[in-house]
Amino acid sequence: MAFRDILGQELAVKCLTRSLARDRITHAYLFTGPEGVGQNEAATILAQSLNCLENSRGPCGSCSSCRRILAHNYPDVRRVLPEGNNIKIDQIRALRKDIYYRPLEGGYKVYIISEAHKMTIPAANSLLCILEEPPPYAVFVLLTSQEAKLLPTIVSRCQRVAFYPLTLTLIQDKLEAEMGLGREKTGVVAALAGGSWDRARELVESGRAGAVQREILTLTATICSGNRAGEWQVGGEWEKNEDLPLLLQQLLFWFRDLLVLKETGSGELLLHQEEIPRLRQMVQCYSRRGLLEALLAIQETMGLLTTNVNTRLALDVLMGRIKPHGVPII
């Protein structure tokens, strides 16, 4: 893999390739942005570029150094992952002991710290001591999706490289090309992925996207039939569903499509391309104001469920707030 293979991150790639071309390597980089958008790949390619036997401006991909770095089997590239929920001080202390030994094979020792925001305070302070006076052959790459949780003093000692969510179109194209999904099914998966290709792939491979879609169709059919008892039952089932955040996000996309359809009358911009007939039927029961209220209710419920709230009560209230004011249509 080369930098050109990281899709949708042109600014980050330009920053890194320019640093390599000018031989201006920073002792610490902070790759910040959503998970699954190319941070890990970029960190690996940077480590390969710094230790490649054939090329100093990018990895050749075929020399022994490049191949072993990709296989996580190279002595001068270390990866630090959370142990349980945290990166502990003992893990950083191990780096402090290792860093003052010169590289065994390559020109640089590269330390890739995944989910850097999970460092405990003692671990973060220990890392800060290293970043203040690192040896010239050491390069740290910190990966995080929650930059605000890092110590400001650590952030200030790193060159920040921003990675952004992938566009819906780019994820849809990759889903078609690499996973064989039809275009009519890629919109929902791409939206649920939140700009992350890794998440989109996992949703398809695990079947979770299809399961969430079926739950949404069951709920919308129940709502449109006017079956209030059925709505209570769905609420009870959702309370126990480990994919509840995804269900609510998908429900938000469903009502977003209803609002788009209400406003434009066109199906071109809808995410649920395969469900346009059902959407056209359902939108008849909602006013524009009712759809806006439903979207607000879903968003408020998503926020509430991140706090210490009674999940079942929140879902029961939600079911009442998204109920159409018109007559049953099926």
Protein backbone atom coordinates (compact mmCIF):
# COMPACT_ATOMS: atom_id res chain seq x y z
CA MET A 1 0.00 0.00 0.00
CA ALA A 2 1.14 3.56 -0.76
CA PHE A 3 -0.11 6.99 0.26
CA ARG A 4 -2.03 7.23 -3.02
CA ASP A 5 -4.15 4.26 -1.90
CA ILE A 6 -5.59 6.20 1.07
CA LEU A 7 -8.82 7.50 -0.39
CA GLY A 8 -10.54 10.71 0.61
CA GLN A 9 -7.65 12.11 2.68
CA GLU A 10 -5.86 14.30 0.19
CA LEU A 11 -4.81 16.97 2.73
CA ALA A 12 -3.33 14.46 5.17
CA VAL A 13 -1.50 12.64 2.38
CA LYS A 14 -0.13 15.92 1.00
CA CYS A 15 1.17 16.91 4.43
CA LEU A 16 2.98 13.61 4.97
CA THR A 17 4.42 13.24 1.47
CA ARG A 18 5.67 16.83 1.55
CA SER A 19 7.43 16.22 4.87
CA LEU A 20 9.12 13.13 3.45
CA ALA A 21 10.10 14.88 0.22
CA ARG A 22 11.69 17.77 2.12
CA ASP A 23 13.23 15.47 4.74
CA ARG A 24 11.45 17.42 7.48
CA ILE A 25 10.31 14.63 9.75
CA THR A 26 8.67 15.67 13.01
CA HIS A 27 9.41 13.69 16.15
CA ALA A 28 5.69 13.35 16.93
CA TYR A 29 2.56 13.28 14.78
CA LEU A 30 -1.05 13.39 15.93
CA PHE A 31 -3.42 11.72 13.46
CA THR A 32 -6.84 12.92 14.52
CA GLY A 33 -10.26 12.08 13.10
CA PRO A 34 -12.91 9.35 13.04
CA GLU A 35 -11.84 5.73 13.27
CA GLY A 36 -11.64 3.74 10.09
CA VAL A 37 -10.84 6.57 7.66
CA GLY A 38 -7.19 5.77 6.95
CA GLN A 39 -5.26 6.74 10.10
CA ASN A 40 -3.84 3.26 10.75
CA GLU A 41 -2.91 2.79 7.12
CA ALA A 42 -1.18 6.18 6.99
CA ALA A 43 0.79 5.42 10.15
CA THR A 44 1.98 2.11 8.67
CA ILE A 45 2.94 3.75 5.37
CA LEU A 46 4.83 6.49 7.21
CA ALA A 47 6.76 3.87 9.20
CA GLN A 48 7.55 2.00 5.97
CA SER A 49 8.67 5.21 4.26
CA LEU A 50 11.08 6.05 7.09
CA ASN A 51 12.65 2.58 7.02
CA CYS A 52 12.29 1.51 3.38
CA LEU A 53 15.50 0.07 1.91
CA GLU A 54 14.73 1.34 -1.60
CA ASN A 55 12.97 4.71 -1.31
CA SER A 56 13.03 7.56 1.21
CA ARG A 57 9.91 9.33 -0.11
CA GLY A 58 7.47 6.48 0.14
CA PRO A 59 7.45 2.73 0.68
CA CYS A 60 8.47 0.45 -2.16
CA GLY A 61 6.24 -2.22 -0.64
CA SER A 62 8.50 -5.07 -1.69
CA CYS A 63 11.72 -4.79 0.34
CA SER A 64 12.08 -6.84 3.50
CA SER A 65 11.56 -3.80 5.74
CA CYS A 66 8.29 -2.79 4.06
CA ARG A 67 6.95 -6.32 4.13
CA ARG A 68 7.81 -6.93 7.77
CA ILE A 69 6.41 -3.58 8.92
CA LEU A 70 3.15 -4.43 7.19
CA ALA A 71 3.18 -7.82 8.92
CA HIS A 72 3.88 -6.18 12.33
CA ASN A 73 7.18 -8.06 12.45
CA TYR A 74 9.82 -5.33 12.35
CA PRO A 75 11.94 -4.59 15.44
CA ASP A 76 12.08 -0.81 14.97
CA VAL A 77 8.32 -0.27 14.68
CA ARG A 78 6.33 -0.74 17.89
CA ARG A 79 2.57 -0.52 18.28
CA VAL A 80 0.85 0.34 21.53
CA LEU A 81 -2.79 -0.73 21.95
CA PRO A 82 -5.09 -0.26 24.95
CA GLU A 83 -5.00 -3.09 27.45
CA GLY A 84 -8.65 -3.38 28.35
CA ASN A 85 -10.10 0.13 28.47
CA ASN A 86 -6.84 2.04 28.92
CA ILE A 87 -3.25 2.49 27.87
CA LYS A 88 -1.45 2.05 31.17
CA ILE A 89 1.69 3.66 32.53
CA ASP A 90 3.62 0.38 32.39
CA GLN A 91 3.14 0.35 28.61
CA ILE A 92 4.63 3.83 28.28
CA ARG A 93 7.44 2.99 30.72
CA ALA A 94 8.37 0.11 28.43
CA LEU A 95 8.69 2.62 25.57
CA ARG A 96 10.87 4.87 27.72
CA LYS A 97 13.25 1.97 28.32
CA ASP A 98 13.31 1.01 24.66
CA ILE A 99 13.61 4.41 23.06
CA TYR A 100 17.19 5.13 24.06
CA TYR A 101 18.49 2.05 22.23
CA ARG A 102 19.35 2.97 18.67
CA PRO A 103 17.44 1.33 15.79
CA LEU A 104 18.41 -2.28 15.17
CA GLU A 105 17.88 -2.24 11.40
CA GLY A 106 16.26 0.91 10.07
CA GLY A 107 16.92 4.61 10.25
CA TYR A 108 14.07 5.37 12.64
CA LYS A 109 12.29 3.81 15.57
CA VAL A 110 8.57 4.43 15.09
CA TYR A 111 6.05 4.13 17.91
CA ILE A 112 2.41 3.98 16.82
CA ILE A 113 0.00 4.58 19.71
CA SER A 114 -3.58 3.63 18.81
CA GLU A 115 -6.52 5.24 20.62
CA ALA A 116 -4.10 7.60 22.34
CA HIS A 117 -6.99 9.30 24.17
CA LYS A 118 -7.26 6.15 26.31
CA MET A 119 -3.97 6.83 28.08
CA THR A 120 -4.35 7.15 31.81
CA ILE A 121 -3.14 10.44 33.32
CA PRO A 122 0.07 8.82 34.64
CA ALA A 123 0.68 7.24 31.22
CA ALA A 124 0.10 10.55 29.45
CA ASN A 125 2.48 12.36 31.78
CA SER A 126 5.10 9.67 31.23
CA LEU A 127 4.75 10.05 27.45
CA LEU A 128 5.03 13.82 27.81
CA CYS A 129 8.44 13.40 29.40
CA ILE A 130 9.59 11.46 26.32
CA LEU A 131 8.15 13.99 23.87
CA GLU A 132 9.97 16.86 25.55
CA GLU A 133 13.41 15.48 24.64
CA PRO A 134 13.16 12.55 22.21
CA PRO A 135 16.25 11.11 20.54
CA PRO A 136 16.65 12.19 16.89
CA TYR A 137 15.86 8.74 15.48
CA ALA A 138 12.49 8.39 17.30
CA VAL A 139 9.12 9.19 15.71
CA PHE A 140 5.82 8.91 17.56
CA VAL A 141 2.48 8.62 15.77
CA LEU A 142 -0.54 9.10 18.02
CA LEU A 143 -3.91 8.03 16.61
CA THR A 144 -7.10 9.38 18.16
CA SER A 145 -10.75 9.96 17.41
CA GLN A 146 -11.17 12.08 20.55
CA GLU A 147 -8.48 14.72 20.50
CA ALA A 148 -10.16 16.73 23.29
CA LYS A 149 -9.35 13.95 25.78
CA LEU A 150 -5.60 14.29 25.24
CA LEU A 151 -3.45 16.50 27.44
CA PRO A 152 -3.05 19.91 25.73
CA THR A 153 0.68 19.71 26.44
CA ILE A 154 0.88 16.49 24.40
CA VAL A 155 -1.13 17.98 21.52
CA SER A 156 1.15 21.04 21.46
CA ARG A 157 4.22 18.84 20.98
CA CYS A 158 2.81 17.00 17.97
CA GLN A 159 2.28 17.93 14.35
CA ARG A 160 -1.45 17.58 13.91
CA VAL A 161 -2.62 15.77 10.77
CA ALA A 162 -6.39 15.82 10.33
CA PHE A 163 -8.31 12.92 8.81
CA TYR A 164 -11.91 13.52 7.80
CA PRO A 165 -15.03 11.33 7.39
CA LEU A 166 -15.29 9.81 3.95
CA THR A 167 -18.07 11.11 1.74
CA LEU A 168 -21.20 9.04 1.22
CA THR A 169 -20.42 8.75 -2.50
CA LEU A 170 -16.92 7.41 -1.86
CA ILE A 171 -18.18 4.78 0.59
CA GLN A 172 -20.98 3.80 -1.78
CA ASP A 173 -18.50 3.39 -4.63
CA LYS A 174 -16.25 1.18 -2.48
CA LEU A 175 -19.22 -0.90 -1.30
CA GLU A 176 -20.17 -1.52 -4.93
CA ALA A 177 -16.64 -2.23 -6.13
CA GLU A 178 -15.30 -4.27 -3.22
CA MET A 179 -18.37 -5.87 -1.64
CA GLY A 180 -20.70 -6.25 -4.60
CA LEU A 181 -23.63 -4.31 -3.14
CA GLY A 182 -26.19 -2.85 -5.51
CA ARG A 183 -26.37 0.92 -5.61
CA GLU A 184 -29.87 0.93 -4.13
CA LYS A 185 -28.58 -0.69 -0.91
CA THR A 186 -25.39 1.29 -0.42
CA GLY A 187 -26.96 4.57 0.68
CA VAL A 188 -28.19 3.34 4.07
CA VAL A 189 -24.99 1.42 4.86
CA ALA A 190 -22.86 4.43 3.92
CA ALA A 191 -24.96 6.70 6.12
CA LEU A 192 -24.84 4.32 9.09
CA ALA A 193 -21.06 4.09 8.70
CA GLY A 194 -20.66 7.73 9.68
CA GLY A 195 -17.89 8.34 7.17
CA SER A 196 -15.86 5.26 8.19
CA TRP A 197 -15.03 2.64 5.58
CA ASP A 198 -14.05 0.12 8.27
CA ARG A 199 -17.46 0.50 9.90
CA ALA A 200 -19.27 0.20 6.57
CA ARG A 201 -17.44 -3.03 5.78
CA GLU A 202 -18.17 -4.44 9.25
CA LEU A 203 -21.88 -3.60 8.93
CA VAL A 204 -22.10 -5.53 5.69
CA GLU A 205 -19.94 -8.50 6.71
CA SER A 206 -21.72 -8.97 10.04
CA GLY A 207 -25.19 -8.57 8.58
CA ARG A 208 -25.94 -5.87 11.15
CA ALA A 209 -27.01 -3.37 8.50
CA GLY A 210 -29.63 -5.78 7.19
CA ALA A 211 -30.87 -6.60 10.69
CA VAL A 212 -31.22 -2.91 11.57
CA GLN A 213 -33.06 -2.28 8.30
CA ARG A 214 -35.55 -5.04 9.06
CA GLU A 215 -36.23 -3.59 12.53
CA ILE A 216 -36.92 -0.18 11.00
CA LEU A 217 -39.33 -1.65 8.45
CA THR A 218 -41.15 -3.49 11.23
CA LEU A 219 -41.50 -0.31 13.28
CA THR A 220 -42.65 1.86 10.38
CA ALA A 221 -45.23 -0.72 9.35
CA THR A 222 -46.50 -0.80 12.94
CA ILE A 223 -46.67 3.00 13.15
CA CYS A 224 -48.54 3.31 9.87
CA SER A 225 -51.07 0.65 10.87
CA GLY A 226 -52.03 2.63 13.98
CA ASN A 227 -51.18 -0.39 16.17
CA ARG A 228 -50.34 1.32 19.45
CA ALA A 229 -49.83 -1.96 21.29
CA GLY A 230 -47.38 -2.99 18.59
CA GLU A 231 -45.41 0.21 19.15
CA TRP A 232 -45.07 -0.59 22.86
CA GLN A 233 -43.87 -4.07 21.94
CA VAL A 234 -41.25 -2.71 19.54
CA GLY A 235 -40.05 -0.36 22.27
CA GLY A 236 -39.58 -3.30 24.62
CA GLU A 237 -37.61 -5.23 22.00
CA TRP A 238 -35.40 -2.27 21.17
CA GLU A 239 -34.58 -1.75 24.84
CA LYS A 240 -32.78 -5.11 24.87
CA ASN A 241 -31.13 -4.69 21.46
CA GLU A 242 -27.38 -4.09 21.62
CA ASP A 243 -27.65 -2.22 18.32
CA LEU A 244 -29.99 0.41 19.80
CA PRO A 245 -27.71 3.35 18.81
CA LEU A 246 -27.67 2.06 15.23
CA LEU A 247 -31.44 1.57 15.27
CA LEU A 248 -32.01 5.17 16.34
CA GLN A 249 -29.52 6.43 13.77
CA GLN A 250 -31.29 4.44 11.07
CA LEU A 251 -34.65 5.74 12.25
CA LEU A 252 -33.25 9.26 11.95
CA PHE A 253 -32.22 8.56 8.34
CA TRP A 254 -35.69 7.15 7.61
CA PHE A 255 -37.43 10.31 8.80
CA ARG A 256 -34.83 12.39 6.99
CA ASP A 257 -35.90 10.64 3.78
CA LEU A 258 -39.55 11.33 4.60
CA LEU A 259 -38.81 15.02 5.03
CA VAL A 260 -36.81 15.18 1.78
CA LEU A 261 -39.66 13.44 -0.02
CA LYS A 262 -42.20 15.80 1.54
CA GLU A 263 -40.22 18.86 0.48
CA THR A 264 -39.12 17.80 -3.00
CA GLY A 265 -41.48 15.05 -4.09
CA SER A 266 -38.44 13.39 -5.68
CA GLY A 267 -36.74 10.13 -4.75
CA GLU A 268 -33.34 11.03 -6.21
CA LEU A 269 -31.82 12.21 -2.92
CA LEU A 270 -33.19 9.45 -0.71
CA LEU A 271 -30.91 7.05 1.13
CA HIS A 272 -33.48 4.23 1.13
CA GLN A 273 -33.71 3.87 -2.63
CA GLU A 274 -35.18 0.39 -2.43
CA GLU A 275 -38.00 1.56 -0.12
CA ILE A 276 -39.32 4.52 -2.11
CA PRO A 277 -42.85 3.06 -2.52
CA ARG A 278 -43.15 2.56 1.26
CA LEU A 279 -41.78 6.04 1.92
CA ARG A 280 -44.24 7.62 -0.52
CA GLN A 281 -47.06 5.82 1.24
CA MET A 282 -45.94 6.79 4.73
CA VAL A 283 -45.25 10.45 3.98
CA GLN A 284 -48.95 11.00 3.31
CA CYS A 285 -49.65 10.75 7.04
CA TYR A 286 -47.18 13.45 8.08
CA SER A 287 -47.13 17.20 7.85
CA ARG A 288 -43.84 19.01 7.39
CA ARG A 289 -44.02 20.14 11.01
CA GLY A 290 -44.73 16.58 12.17
CA LEU A 291 -41.62 15.28 10.40
CA LEU A 292 -39.45 18.01 11.90
CA GLU A 293 -40.83 17.18 15.35
CA ALA A 294 -40.09 13.48 14.78
CA LEU A 295 -36.50 14.24 13.76
CA LEU A 296 -36.05 16.40 16.84
CA ALA A 297 -37.53 13.66 19.06
CA ILE A 298 -35.14 11.03 17.69
CA GLN A 299 -32.12 13.29 18.14
CA GLU A 300 -33.14 14.14 21.70
CA THR A 301 -33.60 10.45 22.51
CA MET A 302 -30.17 9.61 21.11
CA GLY A 303 -28.71 12.24 23.42
CA LEU A 304 -30.70 11.06 26.44
CA LEU A 305 -29.52 7.49 26.04
CA THR A 306 -25.92 8.60 26.54
CA THR A 307 -26.90 9.70 30.07
CA ASN A 308 -28.27 7.85 33.07
CA VAL A 309 -31.84 7.63 31.80
CA ASN A 310 -34.50 4.93 31.87
CA THR A 311 -34.11 3.44 28.39
CA ARG A 312 -37.59 1.92 28.18
CA LEU A 313 -39.26 5.14 29.29
CA ALA A 314 -37.27 7.17 26.77
CA LEU A 315 -38.26 4.78 23.96
CA ASP A 316 -41.94 4.80 24.97
CA VAL A 317 -41.96 8.60 24.87
CA LEU A 318 -40.22 8.52 21.49
CA MET A 319 -42.81 6.15 20.01
CA GLY A 320 -45.53 8.61 20.98
CA ARG A 321 -43.70 11.59 19.52
CA ILE A 322 -43.04 10.04 16.09
CA LYS A 323 -46.58 8.77 15.64
CA PRO A 324 -48.29 10.33 12.58
CA HIS A 325 -51.27 12.59 13.07
CA GLY A 326 -53.04 11.33 9.99
CA VAL A 327 -55.16 8.22 9.54
CA PRO A 328 -53.65 4.72 9.28
CA ILE A 329 -52.60 3.94 5.71
CA ILE A 330 -51.98 0.19 5.87
